[in-house]
Amino acid sequence: MPRSDFRFFHRLRVRWAEVDMQKIVFNAHYLMYFDTAISDYWRALALPYQDAMESLGGDLYVRKATIEFAASARVDDVLDVGMKCMRVGNSSIVFHGGLFRGDELLVSCELVYVFADPATQTSRPVPAALREIFAAYEAGETLRDVTTGDWATLGEDAGALRRAVFIEEQRIPAELEWDEHDLTAVHAVARNRLGQVIATGRLVSEAPGLARVGRMAVHRALRSGGHGEAVLRALEASAAARGDTAVMLHAQRSAERFYARLGYLPHGAPFEEAGIAHQEMRRSLANPA
């Protein structure tokens, strides 16, 4: 398969530990490359693998893995691993993969998975929802939907993700997470094709003409997949629709580059909030992205 046949790619660089005495990649590592790419393929589907499998009532097991070699990869090569879902049978799913150095195909593979009961490892029919997700992704569709609304409508879903990210993962005290602003804020929730909540955020009024975005959270397994940006843009649109001219937020310093890439500029000095370093950042809505 040529490079143009693949929508999905995972990029990696060959490490010294992965080459043999000929200074080419040891053949067993190619399977690791393709398996790593499959993990990222699930993220491209907006599916946190473990949560998705539990929702679907099964799990995937490798039935067959074949590799065909055309040329060798060498230490420090930058490689793109393409993966494509080729066919979904009754209980099997067939992927084709291609390992490319630039446009040169070095290694191709076929991976056959079986959808099965995790307790007995006996095969089950692939759920219709999963079939549709594979087809939608390979057809170029977006697999995420963002909804805005009030706390009564979205609070249960938004709150569950915020609890997982802020209270359980970041260990922010629960009494600091929930406040009176939730009842008046505009909330945004991003869901995948299984209806699972994968990102959230909220919008409150900070001052006349100035909106404040906060409580931005993305499922741990799906970060860097564009879901946070989608929620932020939905909140900005809500702010612009009600007449706000600028948006501000308190960015965790670890996320500062993310917001800078989306047009936010530092405002004032860094500070600490809930025991975490933050930076206030602002963006004008005069020329929305």
Protein backbone atom coordinates (compact mmCIF):
# COMPACT_ATOMS: atom_id res chain seq x y z
CA MET A 1 0.00 0.00 0.00
CA PRO A 2 1.42 3.44 -0.87
CA ARG A 3 1.67 6.15 1.77
CA SER A 4 -1.33 7.99 0.27
CA ASP A 5 -3.62 5.06 1.19
CA PHE A 6 -3.26 5.77 4.90
CA ARG A 7 -5.12 8.43 6.87
CA PHE A 8 -3.43 7.60 10.18
CA PHE A 9 0.29 7.83 10.96
CA HIS A 10 2.31 7.43 14.13
CA ARG A 11 5.79 9.02 14.03
CA LEU A 12 8.79 7.62 15.85
CA ARG A 13 12.59 7.79 15.80
CA VAL A 14 14.69 4.63 15.88
CA ARG A 15 16.61 4.38 19.14
CA TRP A 16 20.08 2.88 19.65
CA ALA A 17 18.62 0.10 21.82
CA GLU A 18 16.46 -1.07 18.87
CA VAL A 19 19.27 -1.84 16.41
CA ASP A 20 21.43 -4.96 16.13
CA MET A 21 25.15 -5.35 15.46
CA GLN A 22 24.53 -4.44 11.80
CA LYS A 23 23.10 -1.12 13.08
CA ILE A 24 19.72 -1.87 11.53
CA VAL A 25 16.49 -2.35 13.45
CA PHE A 26 16.28 -5.82 14.99
CA ASN A 27 13.37 -7.57 13.27
CA ALA A 28 11.31 -8.15 16.44
CA HIS A 29 11.05 -4.41 17.04
CA TYR A 30 8.96 -3.88 13.92
CA LEU A 31 6.05 -5.66 15.57
CA MET A 32 6.46 -3.32 18.54
CA TYR A 33 6.33 -0.34 16.17
CA PHE A 34 3.06 -1.51 14.62
CA ASP A 35 1.56 -2.38 17.99
CA THR A 36 2.47 1.08 19.33
CA ALA A 37 0.84 2.65 16.28
CA ILE A 38 -2.36 0.68 16.92
CA SER A 39 -2.55 2.26 20.38
CA ASP A 40 -2.40 5.70 18.80
CA TYR A 41 -4.95 4.64 16.18
CA TRP A 42 -7.46 4.12 19.00
CA ARG A 43 -6.72 7.64 20.23
CA ALA A 44 -7.39 8.91 16.70
CA LEU A 45 -10.81 7.26 16.97
CA ALA A 46 -11.39 9.34 20.14
CA LEU A 47 -11.67 6.09 22.08
CA PRO A 48 -9.90 5.60 25.41
CA TYR A 49 -9.15 1.92 24.85
CA GLN A 50 -9.95 0.45 28.26
CA ASP A 51 -13.12 2.49 28.79
CA ALA A 52 -14.25 1.77 25.23
CA MET A 53 -13.78 -1.97 25.54
CA GLU A 54 -15.70 -2.05 28.82
CA SER A 55 -18.52 -0.11 27.18
CA LEU A 56 -18.56 -2.51 24.22
CA GLY A 57 -18.52 -5.62 26.41
CA GLY A 58 -15.40 -7.24 25.00
CA ASP A 59 -11.73 -6.89 24.18
CA LEU A 60 -9.39 -7.44 21.25
CA TYR A 61 -6.90 -10.30 20.94
CA VAL A 62 -4.30 -10.74 18.22
CA ARG A 63 -4.97 -13.80 16.10
CA LYS A 64 -2.32 -13.33 13.43
CA ALA A 65 0.55 -10.93 12.77
CA THR A 66 2.56 -11.08 9.55
CA ILE A 67 5.41 -8.83 8.42
CA GLU A 68 7.00 -8.41 5.02
CA PHE A 69 10.38 -6.69 4.74
CA ALA A 70 11.40 -4.49 1.82
CA ALA A 71 14.26 -2.51 3.35
CA SER A 72 15.84 -1.86 6.73
CA ALA A 73 15.38 1.03 9.12
CA ARG A 74 18.51 2.35 10.81
CA VAL A 75 19.37 4.12 14.01
CA ASP A 76 18.10 7.74 14.13
CA ASP A 77 15.74 7.24 11.17
CA VAL A 78 12.48 9.14 11.57
CA LEU A 79 9.70 6.73 10.61
CA ASP A 80 5.97 7.08 10.01
CA VAL A 81 3.86 4.04 10.80
CA GLY A 82 0.63 4.04 8.81
CA MET A 83 -2.33 1.95 10.00
CA LYS A 84 -5.61 1.31 8.20
CA CYS A 85 -8.64 -0.78 9.13
CA MET A 86 -9.20 -2.87 6.00
CA ARG A 87 -12.07 -5.17 6.91
CA VAL A 88 -14.40 -5.98 9.79
CA GLY A 89 -15.77 -9.50 9.72
CA ASN A 90 -18.20 -11.14 12.10
CA SER A 91 -15.73 -11.22 15.00
CA SER A 92 -12.44 -10.29 13.32
CA ILE A 93 -10.85 -6.95 12.44
CA VAL A 94 -8.07 -6.75 9.85
CA PHE A 95 -5.50 -3.93 9.84
CA HIS A 96 -2.83 -3.24 7.27
CA GLY A 97 0.24 -1.28 8.28
CA GLY A 98 3.09 0.37 6.46
CA LEU A 99 6.39 1.61 7.91
CA PHE A 100 7.69 4.53 5.85
CA ARG A 101 10.93 6.53 5.75
CA GLY A 102 9.68 9.52 3.85
CA ASP A 103 7.73 7.99 0.97
CA GLU A 104 9.79 4.79 0.97
CA LEU A 105 7.95 1.73 2.25
CA LEU A 106 10.33 -0.28 4.41
CA VAL A 107 8.05 -2.84 6.07
CA SER A 108 4.41 -3.82 5.66
CA CYS A 109 2.25 -5.85 8.00
CA GLU A 110 -1.16 -7.42 8.48
CA LEU A 111 -2.67 -7.64 11.95
CA VAL A 112 -5.79 -9.70 12.56
CA TYR A 113 -7.66 -9.14 15.83
CA VAL A 114 -10.60 -11.04 17.26
CA PHE A 115 -13.24 -9.33 19.38
CA ALA A 116 -13.91 -11.63 22.32
CA ASP A 117 -15.30 -12.03 25.82
CA PRO A 118 -12.42 -11.02 28.14
CA ALA A 119 -13.42 -13.60 30.76
CA THR A 120 -13.46 -16.63 28.44
CA GLN A 121 -11.60 -15.25 25.39
CA THR A 122 -14.30 -16.74 23.17
CA SER A 123 -15.16 -14.69 20.11
CA ARG A 124 -18.12 -12.34 19.94
CA PRO A 125 -19.60 -10.38 17.02
CA VAL A 126 -17.95 -7.00 16.56
CA PRO A 127 -20.46 -4.43 17.91
CA ALA A 128 -22.21 -2.33 15.27
CA ALA A 129 -21.05 0.87 16.99
CA LEU A 130 -17.41 -0.13 16.59
CA ARG A 131 -17.93 -1.05 12.93
CA GLU A 132 -19.42 2.37 12.32
CA ILE A 133 -16.53 4.12 14.06
CA PHE A 134 -13.94 2.35 11.90
CA ALA A 135 -15.86 3.21 8.73
CA ALA A 136 -16.37 6.83 9.76
CA TYR A 137 -12.71 7.37 10.58
CA GLU A 138 -11.41 5.83 7.36
CA ALA A 139 -13.96 7.95 5.44
CA GLY A 140 -12.43 11.10 6.96
CA GLU A 141 -15.23 11.99 9.36
CA THR A 142 -14.82 13.75 12.70
CA LEU A 143 -15.41 11.38 15.60
CA ARG A 144 -16.08 14.00 18.25
CA ASP A 145 -19.14 16.09 18.99
CA VAL A 146 -19.13 19.17 21.26
CA THR A 147 -22.28 20.32 23.06
CA THR A 148 -22.74 23.53 25.07
CA GLY A 149 -25.38 24.06 27.72
CA ASP A 150 -26.10 24.70 31.38
CA TRP A 151 -25.20 22.70 34.47
CA ALA A 152 -28.62 21.07 34.68
CA THR A 153 -28.08 19.61 31.21
CA LEU A 154 -24.37 18.84 31.20
CA GLY A 155 -23.31 18.89 34.84
CA GLU A 156 -23.38 15.15 35.47
CA ASP A 157 -21.13 14.39 32.50
CA ALA A 158 -18.84 17.39 32.95
CA GLY A 159 -18.55 16.76 36.66
CA ALA A 160 -17.53 13.12 36.24
CA LEU A 161 -14.59 14.02 34.00
CA ARG A 162 -13.55 16.95 36.19
CA ARG A 163 -13.58 14.67 39.22
CA ALA A 164 -11.36 12.14 37.43
CA VAL A 165 -8.87 14.75 36.19
CA PHE A 166 -8.70 17.35 38.94
CA ILE A 167 -9.58 15.48 42.13
CA GLU A 168 -8.32 11.96 41.43
CA GLU A 169 -5.43 12.61 39.03
CA GLN A 170 -4.17 16.03 40.15
CA ARG A 171 -5.29 15.63 43.77
CA ILE A 172 -6.96 19.01 44.00
CA PRO A 173 -9.17 19.10 47.14
CA ALA A 174 -12.82 18.48 46.28
CA GLU A 175 -13.94 21.61 48.12
CA LEU A 176 -11.85 23.71 45.70
CA GLU A 177 -13.24 22.06 42.56
CA TRP A 178 -16.95 22.79 42.98
CA ASP A 179 -18.23 26.35 43.32
CA GLU A 180 -21.27 28.55 42.74
CA HIS A 181 -20.14 29.48 39.20
CA ASP A 182 -21.14 26.06 37.87
CA LEU A 183 -24.81 26.98 38.18
CA THR A 184 -24.47 30.08 35.98
CA ALA A 185 -21.68 29.04 33.61
CA VAL A 186 -21.92 27.88 30.02
CA HIS A 187 -20.50 24.37 29.95
CA ALA A 188 -19.05 22.49 26.99
CA VAL A 189 -18.77 18.71 26.77
CA ALA A 190 -17.05 16.73 24.01
CA ARG A 191 -18.21 13.16 23.43
CA ASN A 192 -16.96 10.38 21.19
CA ARG A 193 -19.12 8.14 18.98
CA LEU A 194 -19.86 5.88 21.97
CA GLY A 195 -21.25 8.85 23.89
CA GLN A 196 -18.33 8.84 26.33
CA VAL A 197 -17.24 12.23 27.70
CA ILE A 198 -13.69 12.97 26.57
CA ALA A 199 -13.29 16.71 27.31
CA THR A 200 -15.03 19.54 29.10
CA GLY A 201 -14.71 23.19 30.12
CA ARG A 202 -16.84 26.10 31.29
CA LEU A 203 -17.34 29.81 30.57
CA VAL A 204 -18.22 32.49 33.14
CA SER A 205 -18.39 36.29 33.07
CA GLU A 206 -15.27 37.87 34.56
CA ALA A 207 -16.08 41.53 33.77
CA PRO A 208 -18.15 43.45 31.19
CA GLY A 209 -17.00 42.21 27.78
CA LEU A 210 -14.51 39.75 29.31
CA ALA A 211 -15.28 36.03 29.58
CA ARG A 212 -13.33 33.54 31.62
CA VAL A 213 -12.70 29.95 30.57
CA GLY A 214 -11.99 27.42 33.27
CA ARG A 215 -12.20 23.82 34.42
CA MET A 216 -10.68 22.63 31.14
CA ALA A 217 -10.20 18.87 31.33
CA VAL A 218 -9.43 16.14 28.78
CA HIS A 219 -9.54 12.38 29.34
CA ARG A 220 -6.08 11.26 30.35
CA ALA A 221 -5.75 8.76 27.48
CA LEU A 222 -6.79 11.25 24.77
CA ARG A 223 -4.70 14.36 25.40
CA SER A 224 -3.01 16.01 22.41
CA GLY A 225 -5.84 14.78 20.19
CA GLY A 226 -7.47 18.18 19.57
CA HIS A 227 -10.35 17.62 22.02
CA GLY A 228 -9.34 20.41 24.38
CA GLU A 229 -9.05 22.81 21.46
CA ALA A 230 -12.53 21.83 20.25
CA VAL A 231 -14.02 22.57 23.69
CA LEU A 232 -12.14 25.87 23.94
CA ARG A 233 -13.32 27.02 20.50
CA ALA A 234 -16.93 26.14 21.40
CA LEU A 235 -16.67 28.23 24.56
CA GLU A 236 -15.11 31.12 22.64
CA ALA A 237 -18.00 30.98 20.18
CA SER A 238 -20.47 31.18 23.09
CA ALA A 239 -18.58 34.17 24.48
CA ALA A 240 -18.59 35.97 21.13
CA ALA A 241 -22.29 35.22 20.62
CA ARG A 242 -23.21 36.99 23.86
CA GLY A 243 -21.08 40.03 23.03
CA ASP A 244 -17.81 39.41 24.87
CA THR A 245 -14.75 40.86 23.16
CA ALA A 246 -12.02 38.92 24.97
CA VAL A 247 -11.45 35.69 26.87
CA MET A 248 -9.10 35.10 29.79
CA LEU A 249 -8.10 31.94 31.62
CA HIS A 250 -5.76 30.66 34.30
CA ALA A 251 -3.53 28.19 32.49
CA GLN A 252 -1.56 25.58 34.37
CA ARG A 253 2.06 26.28 33.44
CA SER A 254 2.32 22.80 31.91
CA ALA A 255 -0.45 23.80 29.45
CA GLU A 256 0.84 27.29 28.67
CA ARG A 257 2.25 26.36 25.26
CA PHE A 258 -1.06 24.73 24.33
CA TYR A 259 -2.95 27.98 24.93
CA ALA A 260 -0.22 30.07 23.30
CA ARG A 261 -0.59 28.00 20.13
CA LEU A 262 -4.30 28.90 20.14
CA GLY A 263 -3.68 32.64 20.32
CA TYR A 264 -3.54 33.30 24.07
CA LEU A 265 -0.92 35.67 25.48
CA PRO A 266 0.46 35.86 29.05
CA HIS A 267 -1.08 38.59 31.21
CA GLY A 268 0.68 39.49 34.45
CA ALA A 269 3.04 37.39 36.52
CA PRO A 270 2.77 33.64 37.22
CA PHE A 271 1.01 32.63 40.42
CA GLU A 272 -0.03 29.57 42.39
CA GLU A 273 -3.59 28.29 42.55
CA ALA A 274 -4.69 25.13 44.41
CA GLY A 275 -1.01 24.32 44.88
CA ILE A 276 -0.31 24.36 41.11
CA ALA A 277 1.67 26.99 39.17
CA HIS A 278 -0.55 29.03 36.81
CA GLN A 279 -0.30 31.86 34.31
CA GLU A 280 -3.17 34.17 33.38
CA MET A 281 -3.56 34.36 29.60
CA ARG A 282 -5.89 36.36 27.38
CA ARG A 283 -7.11 36.36 23.79
CA SER A 284 -9.08 38.94 21.85
CA LEU A 285 -12.22 37.77 20.10
CA ALA A 286 -12.09 40.56 17.53
CA ASN A 287 -10.55 38.18 15.00
CA PRO A 288 -11.72 34.71 16.04
CA ALA A 289 -9.81 31.70 14.70
